[in-house]
PDB file of N, CA and C in Angstrom:
ATOM      1  N   MET A   1       0.921  -1.109  -0.003  1.00  0.00           N
ATOM      2  CA  MET A   1       0.036  -0.128   0.120  1.00  0.00           C
ATOM      3  C   MET A   1       0.801   1.241  -0.180  1.00  0.00           C
ATOM      4  N   GLU A   2       0.646   2.116  -1.143  1.00  0.00           N
ATOM      5  CA  GLU A   2       1.652   3.289  -1.054  1.00  0.00           C
ATOM      6  C   GLU A   2       0.826   4.376  -0.219  1.00  0.00           C
ATOM      7  N   ASN A   3       2.142   4.950   0.373  1.00  0.00           N
ATOM      8  CA  ASN A   3       1.588   6.221   1.455  1.00  0.00           C
ATOM      9  C   ASN A   3       1.409   7.376   0.555  1.00  0.00           C
ATOM     10  N   ILE A   4       0.547   8.137   0.599  1.00  0.00           N
ATOM     11  CA  ILE A   4       0.408   9.422  -0.328  1.00  0.00           C
ATOM     12  C   ILE A   4       1.249  10.439   0.332  1.00  0.00           C
ATOM     13  N   LEU A   5       1.552  10.279   1.407  1.00  0.00           N
ATOM     14  CA  LEU A   5       2.229  11.515   1.952  1.00  0.00           C
ATOM     15  C   LEU A   5       3.561  11.574   1.653  1.00  0.00           C
ATOM     16  N   THR A   6       4.311  10.186   0.976  1.00  0.00           N
ATOM     17  CA  THR A   6       5.670   9.974   0.613  1.00  0.00           C
ATOM     18  C   THR A   6       5.882  10.115  -0.936  1.00  0.00           C
ATOM     19  N   LYS A   7       4.927  10.567  -1.481  1.00  0.00           N
ATOM     20  CA  LYS A   7       4.752  10.966  -3.114  1.00  0.00           C
ATOM     21  C   LYS A   7       5.372  12.547  -3.027  1.00  0.00           C
ATOM     22  N   ASP A   8       5.618  12.700  -4.311  1.00  0.00           N
ATOM     23  CA  ASP A   8       5.784  14.381  -4.853  1.00  0.00           C
ATOM     24  C   ASP A   8       4.254  14.861  -4.495  1.00  0.00           C
ATOM     25  N   ALA A   9       4.350  15.951  -3.851  1.00  0.00           N
ATOM     26  CA  ALA A   9       2.869  16.479  -3.918  1.00  0.00           C
ATOM     27  C   ALA A   9       2.113  16.740  -5.264  1.00  0.00           C
ATOM     28  N   THR A  10       2.980  17.184  -6.173  1.00  0.00           N
ATOM     29  CA  THR A  10       2.493  17.725  -7.396  1.00  0.00           C
ATOM     30  C   THR A  10       2.351  16.648  -8.270  1.00  0.00           C
ATOM     31  N   THR A  11       2.389  15.419  -7.887  1.00  0.00           N
ATOM     32  CA  THR A  11       1.537  14.522  -8.662  1.00  0.00           C
ATOM     33  C   THR A  11       0.430  13.548  -8.375  1.00  0.00           C
ATOM     34  N   ASP A  12      -0.305  14.456  -6.886  1.00  0.00           N
ATOM     35  CA  ASP A  12      -1.322  13.663  -6.484  1.00  0.00           C
ATOM     36  C   ASP A  12      -2.577  14.397  -7.249  1.00  0.00           C
ATOM     37  N   THR A  13      -3.554  13.297  -7.457  1.00  0.00           N
ATOM     38  CA  THR A  13      -4.684  13.882  -7.868  1.00  0.00           C
ATOM     39  C   THR A  13      -5.687  13.649  -6.777  1.00  0.00           C
ATOM     40  N   ALA A  14      -6.800  14.418  -7.298  1.00  0.00           N
ATOM     41  CA  ALA A  14      -7.781  14.606  -6.510  1.00  0.00           C
ATOM     42  C   ALA A  14      -8.258  13.119  -5.846  1.00  0.00           C
ATOM     43  N   GLU A  15      -8.525  12.436  -7.039  1.00  0.00           N
ATOM     44  CA  GLU A  15      -8.987  11.159  -6.645  1.00  0.00           C
ATOM     45  C   GLU A  15      -7.802  10.285  -5.540  1.00  0.00           C
ATOM     46  N   ASP A  16      -7.022  10.063  -5.954  1.00  0.00           N
ATOM     47  CA  ASP A  16      -5.696   9.610  -4.915  1.00  0.00           C
ATOM     48  C   ASP A  16      -6.091  10.125  -3.350  1.00  0.00           C
ATOM     49  N   LEU A  17      -6.148  11.701  -3.487  1.00  0.00           N
ATOM     50  CA  LEU A  17      -6.166  12.475  -2.138  1.00  0.00           C
ATOM     51  C   LEU A  17      -7.602  11.842  -1.567  1.00  0.00           C
ATOM     52  N   ILE A  18      -8.643  11.686  -2.024  1.00  0.00           N
ATOM     53  CA  ILE A  18      -9.855  11.611  -1.810  1.00  0.00           C
ATOM     54  C   ILE A  18      -9.712   9.967  -1.382  1.00  0.00           C
ATOM     55  N   ARG A  19      -9.223   8.896  -1.577  1.00  0.00           N
ATOM     56  CA  ARG A  19      -8.967   7.755  -1.140  1.00  0.00           C
ATOM     57  C   ARG A  19      -8.199   7.576  -0.021  1.00  0.00           C
ATOM     58  N   GLU A  20      -7.413   8.320   0.227  1.00  0.00           N
ATOM     59  CA  GLU A  20      -6.537   8.833   1.506  1.00  0.00           C
ATOM     60  C   GLU A  20      -7.352   9.217   2.579  1.00  0.00           C
ATOM     61  N   LEU A  21      -7.975  10.150   2.276  1.00  0.00           N
ATOM     62  CA  LEU A  21      -8.875  10.864   2.983  1.00  0.00           C
ATOM     63  C   LEU A  21     -10.165   9.402   3.500  1.00  0.00           C
ATOM     64  N   ASP A  22     -10.565   8.900   2.749  1.00  0.00           N
ATOM     65  CA  ASP A  22     -11.130   7.848   3.406  1.00  0.00           C
ATOM     66  C   ASP A  22     -10.420   6.574   4.210  1.00  0.00           C
ATOM     67  N   ARG A  23      -9.476   6.411   3.829  1.00  0.00           N
ATOM     68  CA  ARG A  23      -8.658   5.554   4.927  1.00  0.00           C
ATOM     69  C   ARG A  23      -8.045   6.082   5.894  1.00  0.00           C
ATOM     70  N   THR A  24      -8.061   7.569   6.018  1.00  0.00           N
ATOM     71  CA  THR A  24      -7.758   8.218   7.110  1.00  0.00           C
ATOM     72  C   THR A  24      -9.072   8.591   8.010  1.00  0.00           C
ATOM     73  N   ARG A  25     -10.063   8.798   7.521  1.00  0.00           N
ATOM     74  CA  ARG A  25     -11.203   9.043   8.255  1.00  0.00           C
ATOM     75  C   ARG A  25     -11.892   7.482   8.986  1.00  0.00           C
ATOM     76  N   GLY A  26     -11.360   6.574   8.081  1.00  0.00           N
ATOM     77  CA  GLY A  26     -11.501   4.946   8.729  1.00  0.00           C
ATOM     78  C   GLY A  26     -10.396   4.782   9.963  1.00  0.00           C
ATOM     79  N   SER A  27      -9.684   5.214   9.983  1.00  0.00           N
ATOM     80  CA  SER A  27      -8.511   5.232  10.996  1.00  0.00           C
ATOM     81  C   SER A  27      -9.010   5.858  12.052  1.00  0.00           C
ATOM     82  N   LEU A  28      -9.479   7.237  11.772  1.00  0.00           N
ATOM     83  CA  LEU A  28     -10.198   8.024  13.001  1.00  0.00           C
ATOM     84  C   LEU A  28     -11.316   7.560  13.712  1.00  0.00           C
ATOM     85  N   ALA A  29     -11.996   6.488  13.074  1.00  0.00           N
ATOM     86  CA  ALA A  29     -13.371   5.971  13.893  1.00  0.00           C
ATOM     87  C   ALA A  29     -12.608   5.028  14.653  1.00  0.00           C
ATOM     88  N   LEU A  30     -11.517   4.504  14.166  1.00  0.00           N
ATOM     89  CA  LEU A  30     -11.282   3.218  15.082  1.00  0.00           C
ATOM     90  C   LEU A  30     -10.324   3.623  16.201  1.00  0.00           C
ATOM     91  N   ALA A  31      -9.973   4.826  16.025  1.00  0.00           N
ATOM     92  CA  ALA A  31      -9.179   5.790  17.061  1.00  0.00           C
ATOM     93  C   ALA A  31     -10.371   6.131  17.896  1.00  0.00           C
ATOM     94  N   TYR A  32     -11.505   6.747  17.868  1.00  0.00           N
ATOM     95  CA  TYR A  32     -12.618   7.001  18.504  1.00  0.00           C
ATOM     96  C   TYR A  32     -13.312   6.225  19.142  1.00  0.00           C
ATOM     97  N   ASP A  33     -13.466   4.723  18.520  1.00  0.00           N
ATOM     98  CA  ASP A  33     -13.500   3.175  19.005  1.00  0.00           C
ATOM     99  C   ASP A  33     -12.863   2.966  20.242  1.00  0.00           C
ATOM    100  N   LYS A  34     -11.533   3.321  19.939  1.00  0.00           N
ATOM    101  CA  LYS A  34     -10.552   2.835  20.805  1.00  0.00           C
ATOM    102  C   LYS A  34     -10.381   3.774  22.272  1.00  0.00           C
ATOM    103  N   PHE A  35     -10.791   4.790  21.836  1.00  0.00           N
ATOM    104  CA  PHE A  35     -10.757   5.925  22.959  1.00  0.00           C
ATOM    105  C   PHE A  35     -11.934   5.601  23.925  1.00  0.00           C
ATOM    106  N   ASN A  36     -13.018   5.271  23.556  1.00  0.00           N
ATOM    107  CA  ASN A  36     -14.296   4.871  24.255  1.00  0.00           C
ATOM    108  C   ASN A  36     -14.007   3.453  24.991  1.00  0.00           C
ATOM    109  N   PHE A  37     -13.077   2.816  24.519  1.00  0.00           N
ATOM    110  CA  PHE A  37     -12.850   1.401  25.628  1.00  0.00           C
ATOM    111  C   PHE A  37     -11.728   1.513  26.234  1.00  0.00           C
ATOM    112  N   VAL A  38     -10.900   2.307  26.368  1.00  0.00           N
ATOM    113  CA  VAL A  38      -9.732   2.139  27.287  1.00  0.00           C
ATOM    114  C   VAL A  38      -9.923   3.045  28.474  1.00  0.00           C
ATOM    115  N   SER A  39      -9.407   2.534  29.538  1.00  0.00           N
ATOM    116  CA  SER A  39      -9.472   3.361  30.803  1.00  0.00           C
ATOM    117  C   SER A  39      -8.340   3.571  31.515  1.00  0.00           C
ATOM    118  N   ASP A  40      -7.073   3.085  31.029  1.00  0.00           N
ATOM    119  CA  ASP A  40      -5.642   3.532  31.596  1.00  0.00           C
ATOM    120  C   ASP A  40      -5.554   4.659  31.404  1.00  0.00           C
ATOM    121  N   PRO A  41      -5.103   5.594  32.293  1.00  0.00           N
ATOM    122  CA  PRO A  41      -4.846   6.759  31.849  1.00  0.00           C
ATOM    123  C   PRO A  41      -3.883   7.294  30.705  1.00  0.00           C
ATOM    124  N   GLU A  42      -2.559   6.415  30.663  1.00  0.00           N
ATOM    125  CA  GLU A  42      -1.888   6.469  29.490  1.00  0.00           C
ATOM    126  C   GLU A  42      -2.128   6.046  28.341  1.00  0.00           C
ATOM    127  N   MET A  43      -3.187   4.992  27.989  1.00  0.00           N
ATOM    128  CA  MET A  43      -3.797   4.735  27.189  1.00  0.00           C
ATOM    129  C   MET A  43      -5.040   5.791  26.593  1.00  0.00           C
ATOM    130  N   VAL A  44      -5.473   6.325  27.425  1.00  0.00           N
ATOM    131  CA  VAL A  44      -6.468   7.606  26.896  1.00  0.00           C
ATOM    132  C   VAL A  44      -5.372   8.666  26.502  1.00  0.00           C
ATOM    133  N   GLU A  45      -4.468   8.931  26.902  1.00  0.00           N
ATOM    134  CA  GLU A  45      -3.997   9.940  26.357  1.00  0.00           C
ATOM    135  C   GLU A  45      -3.130   9.466  25.125  1.00  0.00           C
ATOM    136  N   SER A  46      -2.750   8.225  24.952  1.00  0.00           N
ATOM    137  CA  SER A  46      -2.152   8.000  23.878  1.00  0.00           C
ATOM    138  C   SER A  46      -3.277   8.309  22.700  1.00  0.00           C
ATOM    139  N   CYS A  47      -4.490   7.340  23.008  1.00  0.00           N
ATOM    140  CA  CYS A  47      -5.847   7.880  22.062  1.00  0.00           C
ATOM    141  C   CYS A  47      -6.278   9.199  21.648  1.00  0.00           C
ATOM    142  N   ILE A  48      -5.783  10.052  22.537  1.00  0.00           N
ATOM    143  CA  ILE A  48      -5.842  11.572  22.496  1.00  0.00           C
ATOM    144  C   ILE A  48      -5.214  12.049  21.055  1.00  0.00           C
ATOM    145  N   TYR A  49      -3.657  11.651  21.593  1.00  0.00           N
ATOM    146  CA  TYR A  49      -2.941  12.207  20.659  1.00  0.00           C
ATOM    147  C   TYR A  49      -3.083  11.523  19.235  1.00  0.00           C
ATOM    148  N   GLU A  50      -3.328  10.481  19.199  1.00  0.00           N
ATOM    149  CA  GLU A  50      -3.804   9.448  17.812  1.00  0.00           C
ATOM    150  C   GLU A  50      -4.620  10.293  17.042  1.00  0.00           C
ATOM    151  N   ILE A  51      -5.991  10.549  17.864  1.00  0.00           N
ATOM    152  CA  ILE A  51      -7.314  11.151  17.081  1.00  0.00           C
ATOM    153  C   ILE A  51      -6.862  12.664  16.925  1.00  0.00           C
ATOM    154  N   ASN A  52      -6.079  13.206  17.405  1.00  0.00           N
ATOM    155  CA  ASN A  52      -5.497  14.586  16.977  1.00  0.00           C
ATOM    156  C   ASN A  52      -4.668  14.681  15.883  1.00  0.00           C
ATOM    157  N   ALA A  53      -3.804  13.747  15.665  1.00  0.00           N
ATOM    158  CA  ALA A  53      -3.044  13.471  14.774  1.00  0.00           C
ATOM    159  C   ALA A  53      -3.766  13.227  13.270  1.00  0.00           C
ATOM    160  N   LEU A  54      -4.624  12.369  13.574  1.00  0.00           N
ATOM    161  CA  LEU A  54      -5.650  11.606  12.562  1.00  0.00           C
ATOM    162  C   LEU A  54      -6.396  13.071  11.926  1.00  0.00           C
ATOM    163  N   LYS A  55      -6.966  13.965  12.678  1.00  0.00           N
ATOM    164  CA  LYS A  55      -7.469  15.198  12.266  1.00  0.00           C
ATOM    165  C   LYS A  55      -7.012  16.037  11.651  1.00  0.00           C
ATOM    166  N   ALA A  56      -5.462  16.082  12.071  1.00  0.00           N
ATOM    167  CA  ALA A  56      -4.760  17.238  11.444  1.00  0.00           C
ATOM    168  C   ALA A  56      -4.516  16.478   9.995  1.00  0.00           C
ATOM    169  N   LYS A  57      -4.469  15.267  10.113  1.00  0.00           N
ATOM    170  CA  LYS A  57      -4.049  14.318   8.679  1.00  0.00           C
ATOM    171  C   LYS A  57      -5.361  15.073   7.670  1.00  0.00           C
ATOM    172  N   CYS A  58      -6.286  14.876   8.171  1.00  0.00           N
ATOM    173  CA  CYS A  58      -7.714  14.879   7.444  1.00  0.00           C
ATOM    174  C   CYS A  58      -7.529  16.347   7.106  1.00  0.00           C
ATOM    175  N   ASN A  59      -7.236  17.342   7.799  1.00  0.00           N
ATOM    176  CA  ASN A  59      -7.165  18.760   7.358  1.00  0.00           C
ATOM    177  C   ASN A  59      -6.376  18.765   6.552  1.00  0.00           C
ATOM    178  N   TYR A  60      -5.337  18.381   6.246  1.00  0.00           N
ATOM    179  CA  TYR A  60      -4.329  18.357   5.498  1.00  0.00           C
ATOM    180  C   TYR A  60      -4.703  18.161   3.936  1.00  0.00           C
ATOM    181  N   LEU A  61      -5.217  17.133   4.201  1.00  0.00           N
ATOM    182  CA  LEU A  61      -6.051  16.337   3.112  1.00  0.00           C
ATOM    183  C   LEU A  61      -6.955  16.980   2.294  1.00  0.00           C
ATOM    184  N   ILE A  62      -8.010  17.527   3.046  1.00  0.00           N
ATOM    185  CA  ILE A  62      -8.794  18.595   2.320  1.00  0.00           C
ATOM    186  C   ILE A  62      -8.309  19.688   1.728  1.00  0.00           C
ATOM    187  N   ARG A  63      -7.240  20.358   2.259  1.00  0.00           N
ATOM    188  CA  ARG A  63      -6.623  21.581   1.833  1.00  0.00           C
ATOM    189  C   ARG A  63      -6.440  20.968   0.376  1.00  0.00           C
ATOM    190  N   LYS A  64      -5.370  19.754   0.658  1.00  0.00           N
ATOM    191  CA  LYS A  64      -4.676  19.473  -0.962  1.00  0.00           C
ATOM    192  C   LYS A  64      -5.771  18.991  -1.984  1.00  0.00           C
ATOM    193  N   ILE A  65      -6.891  18.200  -1.264  1.00  0.00           N
ATOM    194  CA  ILE A  65      -7.764  18.062  -2.377  1.00  0.00           C
ATOM    195  C   ILE A  65      -8.540  19.611  -3.091  1.00  0.00           C
ATOM    196  N   LYS A  66      -8.738  20.535  -2.179  1.00  0.00           N
ATOM    197  CA  LYS A  66      -9.351  21.928  -2.692  1.00  0.00           C
ATOM    198  C   LYS A  66      -8.185  22.489  -3.809  1.00  0.00           C
ATOM    199  N   GLU A  67      -6.802  21.964  -3.386  1.00  0.00           N
ATOM    200  CA  GLU A  67      -5.954  22.879  -4.078  1.00  0.00           C
ATOM    201  C   GLU A  67      -5.690  22.022  -5.474  1.00  0.00           C
ATOM    202  N   CYS A  68      -5.949  20.676  -5.365  1.00  0.00           N
ATOM    203  CA  CYS A  68      -6.096  20.064  -6.526  1.00  0.00           C
ATOM    204  C   CYS A  68      -7.263  19.973  -7.410  1.00  0.00           C
ATOM    205  N   SER A  69      -8.421  20.356  -6.781  1.00  0.00           N
ATOM    206  CA  SER A  69      -9.564  20.271  -7.963  1.00  0.00           C
ATOM    207  C   SER A  69     -10.362  21.314  -7.065  1.00  0.00           C
ATOM    208  N   PRO A  70     -10.113  22.824  -7.575  1.00  0.00           N
ATOM    209  CA  PRO A  70     -10.929  23.807  -6.472  1.00  0.00           C
ATOM    210  C   PRO A  70     -12.673  23.627  -7.010  1.00  0.00           C
ATOM    211  N   GLU A  71     -12.996  22.991  -7.851  1.00  0.00           N
ATOM    212  CA  GLU A  71     -14.271  22.773  -8.015  1.00  0.00           C
ATOM    213  C   GLU A  71     -15.195  21.634  -7.060  1.00  0.00           C
ATOM    214  N   CYS A  72     -14.357  20.978  -6.739  1.00  0.00           N
ATOM    215  CA  CYS A  72     -14.907  19.906  -5.939  1.00  0.00           C
ATOM    216  C   CYS A  72     -14.828  20.724  -4.254  1.00  0.00           C
ATOM    217  N   VAL A  73     -16.228  20.220  -3.631  1.00  0.00           N
ATOM    218  CA  VAL A  73     -16.362  20.602  -2.211  1.00  0.00           C
ATOM    219  C   VAL A  73     -15.900  19.712  -1.317  1.00  0.00           C
ATOM    220  N   ALA A  74     -14.826  19.553  -0.776  1.00  0.00           N
ATOM    221  CA  ALA A  74     -14.229  18.733   0.235  1.00  0.00           C
ATOM    222  C   ALA A  74     -15.334  18.482   1.012  1.00  0.00           C
ATOM    223  N   ALA A  75     -16.489  19.170   1.553  1.00  0.00           N
ATOM    224  CA  ALA A  75     -17.421  18.686   2.756  1.00  0.00           C
ATOM    225  C   ALA A  75     -18.402  17.904   2.345  1.00  0.00           C
ATOM    226  N   GLY A  76     -18.547  17.806   0.882  1.00  0.00           N
ATOM    227  CA  GLY A  76     -19.313  16.810   0.377  1.00  0.00           C
ATOM    228  C   GLY A  76     -18.804  15.131   0.266  1.00  0.00           C
ATOM    229  N   VAL A  77     -17.409  15.459   0.104  1.00  0.00           N
ATOM    230  CA  VAL A  77     -16.752  13.918   0.656  1.00  0.00           C
ATOM    231  C   VAL A  77     -16.629  13.229   2.029  1.00  0.00           C
ATOM    232  N   LEU A  78     -16.624  14.373   3.191  1.00  0.00           N
ATOM    233  CA  LEU A  78     -16.651  14.178   4.277  1.00  0.00           C
ATOM    234  C   LEU A  78     -18.070  13.497   4.695  1.00  0.00           C
ATOM    235  N   ARG A  79     -18.924  14.037   4.003  1.00  0.00           N
ATOM    236  CA  ARG A  79     -20.145  13.692   4.187  1.00  0.00           C
ATOM    237  C   ARG A  79     -20.878  12.227   3.854  1.00  0.00           C
ATOM    238  N   GLY A  80     -19.717  11.656   2.987  1.00  0.00           N
ATOM    239  CA  GLY A  80     -19.956  10.176   2.450  1.00  0.00           C
ATOM    240  C   GLY A  80     -20.503  10.377   0.951  1.00  0.00           C
ATOM    241  N   GLY A  81     -20.725  11.722   0.176  1.00  0.00           N
ATOM    242  CA  GLY A  81     -20.804  12.203  -0.824  1.00  0.00           C
ATOM    243  C   GLY A  81     -19.955  12.421  -1.598  1.00  0.00           C
ATOM    244  N   ARG A  82     -20.413  12.827  -3.065  1.00  0.00           N
ATOM    245  CA  ARG A  82     -19.064  13.410  -4.105  1.00  0.00           C
ATOM    246  C   ARG A  82     -19.837  14.914  -4.332  1.00  0.00           C
ATOM    247  N   ALA A  83     -19.105  16.056  -4.336  1.00  0.00           N
ATOM    248  CA  ALA A  83     -19.703  17.357  -4.788  1.00  0.00           C
ATOM    249  C   ALA A  83     -19.253  17.488  -6.220  1.00  0.00           C
ATOM    250  N   CYS A  84     -18.545  16.755  -6.784  1.00  0.00           N
ATOM    251  CA  CYS A  84     -18.068  16.696  -8.039  1.00  0.00           C
ATOM    252  C   CYS A  84     -17.762  15.618  -8.577  1.00  0.00           C
ATOM    253  N   GLN A  85     -17.398  15.419  -9.900  1.00  0.00           N
ATOM    254  CA  GLN A  85     -17.227  14.303 -10.745  1.00  0.00           C
ATOM    255  C   GLN A  85     -15.761  14.569 -11.083  1.00  0.00           C
ATOM    256  N   LEU A  86     -14.903  13.350 -10.861  1.00  0.00           N
ATOM    257  CA  LEU A  86     -13.252  13.202 -10.922  1.00  0.00           C
ATOM    258  C   LEU A  86     -13.327  12.438 -11.992  1.00  0.00           C
TER     259      LEU A  86
END
């Protein structure tokens, strides 16, 4: 599996970024689930850091999607839909 962040940013397509955003959103959902079930203070702190990192990655990807394809509305992607055709 290729990590989108290791590629040259100029070669990213909106479709690649959207796929990476979907994967990151899945990881974020899992991190929230883990947070809801841990009780050890160190694990809670770890989950909070993981959630914050994944949220920052989502924000980065949304910005890149907007740059890559300004006619796309990234909010449409976040709500599970597509705001434009790629």
